[in-house]
Amino acid sequence: MSAQAGFDWLREVDRGRYRFCQRLAPNVCLAEDRDEARVVVKQHLMAGPDGFPTCDDPRSEIELHSRLAHSHLAEFVCGYPEQRVVVTRWVPGESAARRFFLSPGTEAEALRVLIPVAEAAAYLHQQAVLHRDITPPNVICYGKSATLVDLGAAIKVAPGVWTRLAPMTVAISLLAEPFPWPRPPEVDYGYHSNVYALALLAIYVLTGLPGLSARYWDPQGWAFRENLRHLVLPGLAKVLARALRPSPEDRYPTAGDMLQELLSLP
């Protein structure tokens, strides 16, 4: 089967502006535009498992992403709402999911991934935006830095308001992943949920273990805290332990608050 199979829709986007280069996911590809600039082109799925409609809204993502700009956030290029397509600038590198799978990083490497992603999340919180899908596949590592990508599940929220993450959003996301990534235990998502997800990202970099490893992954976070002292120095262990507290009210209120603690580490 051709690598381009399933991407016939790409030829119809902006009168063939984008040339297929590489399949990245069932509905996402690397492409080149007419200026030979590399971009990531994503088409929102009309339906997920068993024909159920997805809850991703391309118009919402286009409107939201077009107003955001941060050095550690995927750069918005353009959107085509009628064709359910979003185009972002390609970030040369590999996902944290691939880079650290069964190949754990050092504490320094974990911070090189965690801090820029926390900066992006902090910026989003300042803009009253909740990402809702901060997971290793959505973090691109390059050099000694990282970028947060895919705002498909992101939403604008009022300060202090939590939002329910629809189960179908999680189900759709997991279809394209090799295994289910741990997520915050609460159903109602807020900024505190992004804080929890940032800590999960750091733990993954430090362990290289997939989400179902009983040694480290635990729905309430207890296994994380028990093992933190074996993974990192006390300063980072303290930050991650607070970020992983089961009760959202006991975590850092926003990614910015967590970031301040990370930047103050010796």
Protein backbone atom coordinates (compact mmCIF):
# COMPACT_ATOMS: atom_id res chain seq x y z
CA MET A 1 0.00 0.00 0.00
CA SER A 2 1.31 3.46 -0.90
CA ALA A 3 2.32 5.74 1.97
CA GLN A 4 0.04 8.35 0.42
CA ALA A 5 -3.00 6.10 0.61
CA GLY A 6 -5.79 7.86 2.48
CA PHE A 7 -4.49 11.33 1.67
CA ASP A 8 -6.29 11.94 -1.62
CA TRP A 9 -8.03 14.86 0.08
CA LEU A 10 -4.71 16.72 0.19
CA ARG A 11 -4.86 17.41 -3.57
CA GLU A 12 -8.10 19.34 -3.08
CA VAL A 13 -6.71 21.69 -0.43
CA ASP A 14 -6.12 25.18 -1.84
CA ARG A 15 -6.03 23.85 -5.42
CA GLY A 16 -3.18 21.45 -4.82
CA ARG A 17 -0.99 23.86 -2.86
CA TYR A 18 0.49 21.07 -0.73
CA ARG A 19 2.55 18.11 -1.92
CA PHE A 20 2.49 14.97 0.22
CA CYS A 21 5.83 13.99 1.77
CA GLN A 22 5.23 11.62 4.67
CA ARG A 23 2.39 10.09 6.67
CA LEU A 24 2.53 11.11 10.33
CA ALA A 25 -0.83 9.76 11.52
CA PRO A 26 -4.03 8.46 9.88
CA ASN A 27 -5.22 12.03 9.25
CA VAL A 28 -1.93 13.98 9.48
CA CYS A 29 0.92 14.30 7.00
CA LEU A 30 4.13 16.19 6.38
CA ALA A 31 3.88 18.19 3.17
CA GLU A 32 5.60 20.91 1.14
CA ASP A 33 3.84 24.02 -0.08
CA ARG A 34 4.53 25.77 -3.38
CA ASP A 35 7.45 27.63 -1.81
CA GLU A 36 8.94 24.28 -0.72
CA ALA A 37 8.38 25.15 2.92
CA ARG A 38 7.59 22.10 5.03
CA VAL A 39 4.30 22.06 6.90
CA VAL A 40 2.11 19.66 8.84
CA VAL A 41 -1.37 19.25 7.35
CA LYS A 42 -4.12 17.75 9.51
CA GLN A 43 -7.64 16.91 8.41
CA HIS A 44 -10.18 16.63 11.22
CA LEU A 45 -11.94 13.29 11.15
CA MET A 46 -15.64 13.31 10.39
CA ALA A 47 -16.20 10.26 12.56
CA GLY A 48 -14.34 8.08 14.98
CA PRO A 49 -14.84 4.47 16.12
CA ASP A 50 -18.07 2.84 14.98
CA GLY A 51 -19.02 5.96 13.06
CA PHE A 52 -19.52 8.18 16.10
CA PRO A 53 -18.83 11.84 15.32
CA THR A 54 -15.71 13.31 16.83
CA CYS A 55 -15.92 16.37 19.05
CA ASP A 56 -13.01 18.15 17.37
CA ASP A 57 -14.17 21.34 15.66
CA PRO A 58 -11.78 22.58 12.96
CA ARG A 59 -13.33 26.05 12.98
CA SER A 60 -12.69 26.32 16.69
CA GLU A 61 -9.07 25.19 16.33
CA ILE A 62 -8.46 27.55 13.39
CA GLU A 63 -9.94 30.56 15.17
CA LEU A 64 -8.09 29.78 18.39
CA HIS A 65 -4.71 28.86 16.94
CA SER A 66 -4.60 31.80 14.53
CA ARG A 67 -4.56 34.17 17.52
CA LEU A 68 -1.75 32.40 19.38
CA ALA A 69 2.00 32.79 18.91
CA HIS A 70 4.75 31.42 21.14
CA SER A 71 8.25 30.14 20.43
CA HIS A 72 7.44 26.74 21.97
CA LEU A 73 4.02 26.34 20.39
CA ALA A 74 3.45 24.97 16.90
CA GLU A 75 3.19 27.93 14.49
CA PHE A 76 -0.18 28.31 12.79
CA VAL A 77 0.06 28.70 9.00
CA CYS A 78 -3.54 28.66 7.77
CA GLY A 79 -6.82 26.81 7.99
CA TYR A 80 -9.46 25.58 5.55
CA PRO A 81 -12.67 25.17 7.57
CA GLU A 82 -14.78 23.85 4.70
CA GLN A 83 -12.31 21.02 4.17
CA ARG A 84 -11.71 20.54 7.92
CA VAL A 85 -7.97 21.15 7.44
CA VAL A 86 -5.44 22.90 9.69
CA VAL A 87 -1.87 23.67 8.56
CA THR A 88 1.00 24.34 10.96
CA ARG A 89 4.73 24.90 10.47
CA TRP A 90 6.75 21.70 10.59
CA VAL A 91 9.05 21.35 13.60
CA PRO A 92 12.12 19.27 12.63
CA GLY A 93 12.64 16.71 15.35
CA GLU A 94 10.88 13.70 16.84
CA SER A 95 8.14 13.27 19.39
CA ALA A 96 9.02 12.75 23.03
CA ALA A 97 7.03 9.53 22.73
CA ARG A 98 9.51 8.13 20.22
CA ARG A 99 12.71 9.67 21.53
CA PHE A 100 12.40 8.34 25.08
CA PHE A 101 10.48 5.09 24.54
CA LEU A 102 12.39 2.46 26.57
CA SER A 103 15.33 4.90 26.52
CA PRO A 104 15.02 7.01 29.68
CA GLY A 105 16.56 10.44 29.81
CA THR A 106 18.52 12.19 32.53
CA GLU A 107 17.13 14.84 34.85
CA ALA A 108 18.80 17.49 32.66
CA GLU A 109 17.08 16.06 29.58
CA ALA A 110 13.75 15.97 31.39
CA LEU A 111 14.08 19.66 32.23
CA ARG A 112 15.07 20.51 28.65
CA VAL A 113 11.75 19.01 27.55
CA LEU A 114 9.59 20.05 30.49
CA ILE A 115 10.54 23.73 30.81
CA PRO A 116 9.78 24.84 27.21
CA VAL A 117 6.52 22.90 27.20
CA ALA A 118 5.62 24.45 30.56
CA GLU A 119 6.40 27.86 29.03
CA ALA A 120 3.99 27.12 26.18
CA ALA A 121 1.31 25.90 28.60
CA ALA A 122 1.83 28.96 30.80
CA TYR A 123 1.36 31.21 27.76
CA LEU A 124 -1.85 29.36 26.87
CA HIS A 125 -3.15 29.79 30.41
CA GLN A 126 -2.40 33.52 30.22
CA GLN A 127 -4.58 33.56 27.10
CA ALA A 128 -7.31 31.59 28.96
CA VAL A 129 -6.70 28.55 26.75
CA LEU A 130 -6.70 24.95 27.98
CA HIS A 131 -4.72 22.50 25.81
CA ARG A 132 -6.30 19.25 27.14
CA ASP A 133 -3.88 16.93 25.33
CA ILE A 134 -0.36 17.49 26.68
CA THR A 135 1.07 14.02 26.06
CA PRO A 136 4.46 12.76 24.75
CA PRO A 137 3.18 12.33 21.15
CA ASN A 138 2.26 16.03 21.11
CA VAL A 139 5.70 17.22 22.22
CA ILE A 140 8.35 17.54 19.50
CA CYS A 141 11.95 17.41 20.72
CA TYR A 142 14.73 19.08 18.76
CA GLY A 143 18.24 19.97 19.87
CA LYS A 144 18.01 20.96 23.51
CA SER A 145 14.44 22.21 23.40
CA ALA A 146 10.87 21.14 22.65
CA THR A 147 7.63 22.41 21.11
CA LEU A 148 4.02 21.69 22.05
CA VAL A 149 1.83 20.83 19.05
CA ASP A 150 -1.76 19.92 18.13
CA LEU A 151 -4.37 22.28 19.50
CA GLY A 152 -7.23 20.11 18.24
CA ALA A 153 -8.61 19.57 21.75
CA ALA A 154 -7.74 23.04 23.06
CA ILE A 155 -10.53 25.36 24.13
CA LYS A 156 -10.99 28.90 25.42
CA VAL A 157 -12.08 28.90 29.05
CA ALA A 158 -13.13 31.48 31.60
CA PRO A 159 -10.68 31.89 34.51
CA GLY A 160 -11.40 29.39 37.27
CA VAL A 161 -13.88 27.42 35.14
CA TRP A 162 -13.41 23.70 34.60
CA THR A 163 -14.51 21.91 31.48
CA ARG A 164 -15.58 18.35 30.95
CA LEU A 165 -13.33 16.40 28.59
CA ALA A 166 -15.64 14.30 26.47
CA PRO A 167 -14.75 10.58 26.56
CA MET A 168 -14.85 10.46 22.76
CA THR A 169 -11.99 12.99 22.54
CA VAL A 170 -9.82 10.62 24.56
CA ALA A 171 -10.95 7.59 22.55
CA ILE A 172 -10.13 9.23 19.23
CA SER A 173 -6.74 10.35 20.50
CA LEU A 174 -5.79 6.89 21.70
CA LEU A 175 -6.49 5.29 18.33
CA ALA A 176 -3.36 6.83 16.83
CA GLU A 177 -1.13 6.08 19.83
CA PRO A 178 0.77 2.84 20.50
CA PHE A 179 -0.67 2.65 24.01
CA PRO A 180 -2.92 4.81 26.21
CA TRP A 181 -0.96 7.61 27.86
CA PRO A 182 -1.75 8.36 31.49
CA ARG A 183 -3.97 11.38 31.95
CA PRO A 184 -5.14 13.43 34.93
CA PRO A 185 -7.59 11.40 37.05
CA GLU A 186 -10.33 14.04 37.14
CA VAL A 187 -13.15 14.24 34.60
CA ASP A 188 -13.51 18.01 34.87
CA TYR A 189 -10.41 19.60 33.31
CA GLY A 190 -8.85 22.89 34.34
CA TYR A 191 -5.41 24.49 34.35
CA HIS A 192 -4.53 22.10 37.19
CA SER A 193 -5.02 19.22 34.74
CA ASN A 194 -2.33 20.64 32.43
CA VAL A 195 -0.04 20.85 35.48
CA TYR A 196 -0.62 17.15 36.14
CA ALA A 197 0.01 16.35 32.47
CA LEU A 198 3.31 18.27 32.53
CA ALA A 199 4.49 16.14 35.43
CA LEU A 200 3.44 12.98 33.57
CA LEU A 201 5.53 14.16 30.63
CA ALA A 202 8.59 14.56 32.86
CA ILE A 203 8.11 11.11 34.39
CA TYR A 204 7.88 9.55 30.95
CA VAL A 205 11.15 11.18 29.87
CA LEU A 206 12.80 9.93 33.07
CA THR A 207 11.53 6.34 32.79
CA GLY A 208 10.98 5.71 29.08
CA LEU A 209 8.12 3.48 30.11
CA PRO A 210 4.77 3.22 28.33
CA GLY A 211 1.58 4.21 30.05
CA LEU A 212 0.56 0.82 31.35
CA SER A 213 3.74 0.05 33.28
CA ALA A 214 2.50 -0.92 36.74
CA ARG A 215 5.77 0.10 38.36
CA TYR A 216 5.28 3.81 37.73
CA TRP A 217 1.79 4.53 36.37
CA ASP A 218 -1.02 4.75 38.87
CA PRO A 219 -4.40 6.48 38.41
CA GLN A 220 -4.00 8.46 41.62
CA GLY A 221 -0.33 9.21 41.25
CA TRP A 222 0.88 7.32 44.34
CA ALA A 223 3.36 5.18 42.43
CA PHE A 224 4.88 8.30 40.93
CA ARG A 225 5.59 9.88 44.28
CA GLU A 226 7.00 6.68 45.75
CA ASN A 227 9.52 6.43 42.92
CA LEU A 228 10.42 10.10 42.46
CA ARG A 229 13.30 9.95 44.92
CA HIS A 230 14.90 7.20 42.83
CA LEU A 231 14.64 9.25 39.63
CA VAL A 232 15.57 12.86 40.38
CA LEU A 233 17.13 15.23 42.88
CA PRO A 234 14.93 16.49 45.75
CA GLY A 235 14.18 19.86 44.12
CA LEU A 236 12.56 18.48 40.98
CA ALA A 237 11.00 15.61 42.95
CA LYS A 238 9.21 18.18 45.14
CA VAL A 239 7.85 20.06 42.11
CA LEU A 240 6.61 16.89 40.42
CA ALA A 241 5.10 15.54 43.65
CA ARG A 242 2.99 18.68 44.08
CA ALA A 243 1.95 18.63 40.41
CA LEU A 244 0.81 15.01 40.77
CA ARG A 245 -1.35 15.39 43.84
CA PRO A 246 -4.68 13.59 43.36
CA SER A 247 -6.76 16.60 44.42
CA PRO A 248 -6.64 19.38 41.79
CA GLU A 249 -6.82 22.05 44.50
CA ASP A 250 -3.51 20.83 45.94
CA ARG A 251 -1.55 21.23 42.70
CA TYR A 252 -0.05 24.37 41.18
CA PRO A 253 -2.98 26.56 40.04
CA THR A 254 -1.49 27.16 36.59
CA ALA A 255 1.44 26.07 34.44
CA GLY A 256 2.98 29.49 35.12
CA ASP A 257 3.13 28.76 38.84
CA MET A 258 4.79 25.42 38.18
CA LEU A 259 7.19 27.05 35.72
CA GLN A 260 8.38 29.55 38.35
CA GLU A 261 9.31 26.65 40.62
CA LEU A 262 11.13 24.85 37.81
CA LEU A 263 13.14 27.94 36.89
CA SER A 264 14.19 28.44 40.50
CA LEU A 265 15.75 24.97 40.77
CA PRO A 266 19.52 25.02 41.34
